[in-house]
Amino acid sequence: MNRTSVTLPTLVRGVVCTLFVAVMAGQPTVATELEGVHFADQVRTAEVTMRLSCVGLLRYKVFIKAYVAALYLGEGAADGDVLADVPKRLELSYFWSISGADFGKAGDQILVQNVDAQTFAVLRSRLDQINAWYRDVKPGDRYALTYIPGVGTELALNGQRIGVIEGADFAAAYFRIWLGDHPIDARLRDQLLGCAQDSARAHNQATLGIPPLLISSHSR
């Protein structure tokens, strides 16, 4: 017989999930802050609105805070695969200065672990293009990667568009640097994807009439 156990941590997660579902339903919310960095509750680009899903912190060698990230998702992405052909956006706000050339090198090293050799070869010319666009950043700078189906993946720095790379295949691969099976940091990936997964569970539980505070409880 299954029982639902409720502990303080699961209650807290339930509240967070409930709030997230409220945001996805269009109710007003305040901007999110992590490590002193603010992220808007929603962004709009190319006539597409994307709402904040989750935020996370990447630490280098445990103790050094490298950057904070925010994942935004468009309609239909919360209860599906965020790597599918759906609107999505990653914002990365940095705490350290980084050379523009380092972005491409690190990205290629992670990406080659997440796609097969044939896919990587097909993407090579487009990777060279986006790698050439990366500029040096200083503390407080923010890169944004925004994918819109039928448009492509836009790279922007501090709100200024740099360029767009076409292709759903490019976005599906490139976002794996942060969200794939072998990402730049698994803890950051899990933070960013946690709310999308919890939102899906919340939606499914709501259709069954289960109280919101129980959506993250463990059955045994």
Protein backbone atom coordinates (compact mmCIF):
# COMPACT_ATOMS: atom_id res chain seq x y z
CA MET A 1 0.00 0.00 0.00
CA ASN A 2 1.37 3.42 -0.91
CA ARG A 3 1.62 6.16 1.67
CA THR A 4 2.52 9.77 1.10
CA SER A 5 5.05 11.11 3.60
CA VAL A 6 5.40 14.85 4.09
CA THR A 7 8.49 16.46 5.57
CA LEU A 8 9.51 20.10 5.88
CA PRO A 9 11.85 19.96 2.84
CA THR A 10 9.15 18.41 0.67
CA LEU A 11 6.61 20.96 1.86
CA VAL A 12 9.02 23.75 0.91
CA ARG A 13 9.57 22.22 -2.52
CA GLY A 14 5.82 21.91 -2.90
CA VAL A 15 5.36 25.59 -2.18
CA VAL A 16 8.06 26.48 -4.71
CA CYS A 17 6.41 24.31 -7.34
CA THR A 18 3.01 25.84 -6.62
CA LEU A 19 4.43 29.31 -7.04
CA PHE A 20 6.06 28.28 -10.30
CA VAL A 21 2.80 26.94 -11.66
CA ALA A 22 1.15 30.23 -10.71
CA VAL A 23 3.77 32.10 -12.69
CA MET A 24 3.26 29.86 -15.73
CA ALA A 25 -0.46 30.57 -15.44
CA GLY A 26 0.24 34.25 -15.91
CA GLN A 27 -0.21 35.52 -12.36
CA PRO A 28 2.06 38.42 -11.37
CA THR A 29 5.30 37.68 -9.58
CA VAL A 30 8.43 39.53 -8.56
CA ALA A 31 11.85 39.20 -10.11
CA THR A 32 14.13 36.50 -8.74
CA GLU A 33 17.46 37.27 -7.07
CA LEU A 34 20.38 34.88 -6.65
CA GLU A 35 23.74 35.91 -5.21
CA GLY A 36 22.73 39.55 -5.61
CA VAL A 37 21.88 39.13 -9.31
CA HIS A 38 18.33 39.91 -10.44
CA PHE A 39 16.46 38.04 -13.15
CA ALA A 40 13.18 39.26 -14.60
CA ASP A 41 10.17 36.97 -14.16
CA GLN A 42 9.67 36.93 -17.94
CA VAL A 43 11.28 38.09 -21.18
CA ARG A 44 9.77 38.71 -24.62
CA THR A 45 11.60 38.42 -27.91
CA ALA A 46 10.44 37.86 -31.49
CA GLU A 47 6.85 38.11 -30.25
CA VAL A 48 7.43 35.13 -27.93
CA THR A 49 7.08 35.39 -24.15
CA MET A 50 9.29 33.17 -22.02
CA ARG A 51 8.85 32.89 -18.27
CA LEU A 52 11.53 32.25 -15.69
CA SER A 53 11.78 28.57 -14.87
CA CYS A 54 14.74 28.20 -12.52
CA VAL A 55 18.03 29.78 -11.52
CA GLY A 56 21.31 28.23 -10.46
CA LEU A 57 24.88 28.93 -9.38
CA LEU A 58 28.00 27.47 -10.99
CA ARG A 59 30.91 27.03 -8.63
CA TYR A 60 34.45 26.42 -9.81
CA LYS A 61 36.33 23.96 -7.60
CA VAL A 62 33.53 24.17 -5.02
CA PHE A 63 34.51 27.45 -3.41
CA ILE A 64 34.69 29.93 -6.30
CA LYS A 65 31.42 31.39 -7.57
CA ALA A 66 31.82 31.61 -11.35
CA TYR A 67 28.41 32.78 -12.53
CA VAL A 68 24.69 32.53 -11.95
CA ALA A 69 22.34 31.31 -14.64
CA ALA A 70 18.63 31.58 -15.34
CA LEU A 71 16.56 29.33 -17.60
CA TYR A 72 13.51 30.76 -19.34
CA LEU A 73 11.00 28.57 -21.15
CA GLY A 74 8.24 29.27 -23.65
CA GLU A 75 4.77 27.80 -23.85
CA GLY A 76 4.74 24.02 -23.73
CA ALA A 77 8.33 23.62 -22.58
CA ALA A 78 7.68 23.27 -18.84
CA ASP A 79 6.20 19.77 -19.13
CA GLY A 80 8.35 18.61 -22.03
CA ASP A 81 11.96 18.24 -23.02
CA VAL A 82 13.69 21.61 -22.75
CA LEU A 83 16.12 20.44 -25.42
CA ALA A 84 13.29 19.96 -27.93
CA ASP A 85 12.29 22.50 -30.58
CA VAL A 86 10.70 24.95 -28.12
CA PRO A 87 11.49 28.57 -27.14
CA LYS A 88 14.13 28.80 -24.45
CA ARG A 89 16.68 31.23 -23.08
CA LEU A 90 19.72 31.03 -20.85
CA GLU A 91 21.06 34.12 -19.12
CA LEU A 92 24.54 33.91 -17.59
CA SER A 93 25.77 36.66 -15.26
CA TYR A 94 29.48 36.54 -14.44
CA PHE A 95 31.44 37.18 -11.25
CA TRP A 96 34.88 36.99 -12.90
CA SER A 97 36.58 38.35 -15.99
CA ILE A 98 36.79 35.79 -18.81
CA SER A 99 38.50 36.02 -22.18
CA GLY A 100 36.24 35.77 -25.20
CA ALA A 101 38.45 33.07 -26.70
CA ASP A 102 37.92 30.87 -23.65
CA PHE A 103 34.18 30.57 -24.25
CA GLY A 104 34.63 28.78 -27.57
CA LYS A 105 37.34 26.46 -26.28
CA ALA A 106 35.32 25.41 -23.23
CA GLY A 107 32.11 25.08 -25.22
CA ASP A 108 33.67 22.80 -27.81
CA GLN A 109 35.18 20.58 -25.11
CA ILE A 110 31.81 20.08 -23.44
CA LEU A 111 29.80 19.79 -26.64
CA VAL A 112 31.94 17.00 -28.07
CA GLN A 113 30.95 14.93 -25.03
CA ASN A 114 27.24 15.46 -25.71
CA VAL A 115 26.89 14.80 -29.45
CA ASP A 116 28.30 12.19 -31.82
CA ALA A 117 31.19 12.91 -34.16
CA GLN A 118 28.98 13.26 -37.22
CA THR A 119 26.74 15.84 -35.54
CA PHE A 120 29.74 17.77 -34.28
CA ALA A 121 31.17 17.86 -37.81
CA VAL A 122 27.87 19.15 -39.23
CA LEU A 123 27.82 21.91 -36.61
CA ARG A 124 31.49 22.86 -37.01
CA SER A 125 31.09 25.92 -39.23
CA ARG A 126 28.28 27.33 -37.08
CA LEU A 127 30.28 26.69 -33.92
CA ASP A 128 33.18 28.61 -35.43
CA GLN A 129 30.80 31.49 -36.10
CA ILE A 130 29.38 31.74 -32.59
CA ASN A 131 32.81 31.20 -31.05
CA ALA A 132 34.11 34.18 -33.02
CA TRP A 133 31.31 36.34 -31.62
CA TYR A 134 32.21 35.83 -27.97
CA ARG A 135 33.81 38.86 -26.35
CA ASP A 136 35.73 39.35 -23.14
CA VAL A 137 33.50 39.76 -20.09
CA LYS A 138 34.05 41.43 -16.75
CA PRO A 139 32.18 40.98 -13.45
CA GLY A 140 28.57 41.99 -13.86
CA ASP A 141 28.39 41.30 -17.60
CA ARG A 142 25.61 39.04 -18.82
CA TYR A 143 25.39 36.80 -21.88
CA ALA A 144 22.02 35.57 -23.13
CA LEU A 145 21.38 32.67 -25.48
CA THR A 146 17.85 32.70 -26.86
CA TYR A 147 16.38 30.09 -29.16
CA ILE A 148 13.16 30.76 -31.09
CA PRO A 149 11.89 28.03 -33.45
CA GLY A 150 12.09 29.16 -37.05
CA VAL A 151 14.46 32.00 -36.13
CA GLY A 152 17.54 30.46 -34.55
CA THR A 153 19.81 30.92 -31.55
CA GLU A 154 20.64 34.51 -30.69
CA LEU A 155 23.75 35.47 -28.74
CA ALA A 156 23.52 38.79 -26.88
CA LEU A 157 25.79 40.57 -24.43
CA ASN A 158 24.30 42.97 -21.88
CA GLY A 159 21.12 43.18 -23.89
CA GLN A 160 22.87 43.92 -27.19
CA ARG A 161 22.33 41.39 -29.95
CA ILE A 162 25.54 40.06 -31.50
CA GLY A 163 24.19 37.55 -33.99
CA VAL A 164 21.89 34.61 -34.72
CA ILE A 165 22.81 31.04 -35.63
CA GLU A 166 20.16 29.24 -37.68
CA GLY A 167 18.96 25.70 -37.19
CA ALA A 168 16.96 23.72 -34.65
CA ASP A 169 19.77 21.16 -34.73
CA PHE A 170 22.25 23.78 -33.55
CA ALA A 171 20.09 24.80 -30.58
CA ALA A 172 19.37 21.18 -29.63
CA ALA A 173 23.10 20.56 -29.44
CA TYR A 174 24.39 23.87 -28.09
CA PHE A 175 22.10 24.06 -25.06
CA ARG A 176 23.46 20.66 -24.06
CA ILE A 177 26.60 22.47 -22.88
CA TRP A 178 24.56 23.44 -19.82
CA LEU A 179 21.57 21.08 -19.93
CA GLY A 180 22.81 17.85 -21.53
CA ASP A 181 23.84 14.50 -20.12
CA HIS A 182 27.44 15.65 -19.73
CA PRO A 183 27.12 19.39 -19.00
CA ILE A 184 29.67 21.91 -17.88
CA ASP A 185 28.39 21.33 -14.35
CA ALA A 186 25.85 18.69 -13.34
CA ARG A 187 24.78 20.55 -10.22
CA LEU A 188 24.01 23.66 -12.23
CA ARG A 189 22.04 21.61 -14.78
CA ASP A 190 20.01 19.98 -12.03
CA GLN A 191 19.23 23.35 -10.50
CA LEU A 192 18.10 24.77 -13.84
CA LEU A 193 15.98 21.76 -14.79
CA GLY A 194 14.53 21.12 -11.34
CA CYS A 195 11.66 23.58 -11.60
CA ALA A 196 10.63 22.46 -15.09
CA GLN A 197 10.44 18.87 -13.87
CA ASP A 198 8.59 19.87 -10.70
CA SER A 199 6.16 21.95 -12.74
CA ALA A 200 5.30 18.91 -14.84
CA ARG A 201 4.67 16.85 -11.70
CA ALA A 202 2.59 19.68 -10.25
CA HIS A 203 0.45 19.81 -13.39
CA ASN A 204 -0.07 16.05 -13.41
CA GLN A 205 -0.93 15.96 -9.71
CA ALA A 206 -3.32 18.89 -10.08
CA THR A 207 -5.31 17.02 -12.73
CA LEU A 208 -5.70 14.19 -10.20
CA GLY A 209 -6.94 16.55 -7.51
CA ILE A 210 -3.95 16.04 -5.19
CA PRO A 211 -3.21 19.00 -2.87
CA PRO A 212 -0.30 21.17 -4.15
CA LEU A 213 1.76 20.81 -0.97
CA LEU A 214 2.03 17.07 -1.59
CA ILE A 215 3.41 17.20 -5.12
CA SER A 216 7.01 16.64 -4.06
CA SER A 217 6.26 14.02 -1.41
CA HIS A 218 7.77 10.56 -1.58
CA SER A 219 5.55 7.51 -1.94
CA ARG A 220 6.57 4.25 -0.39
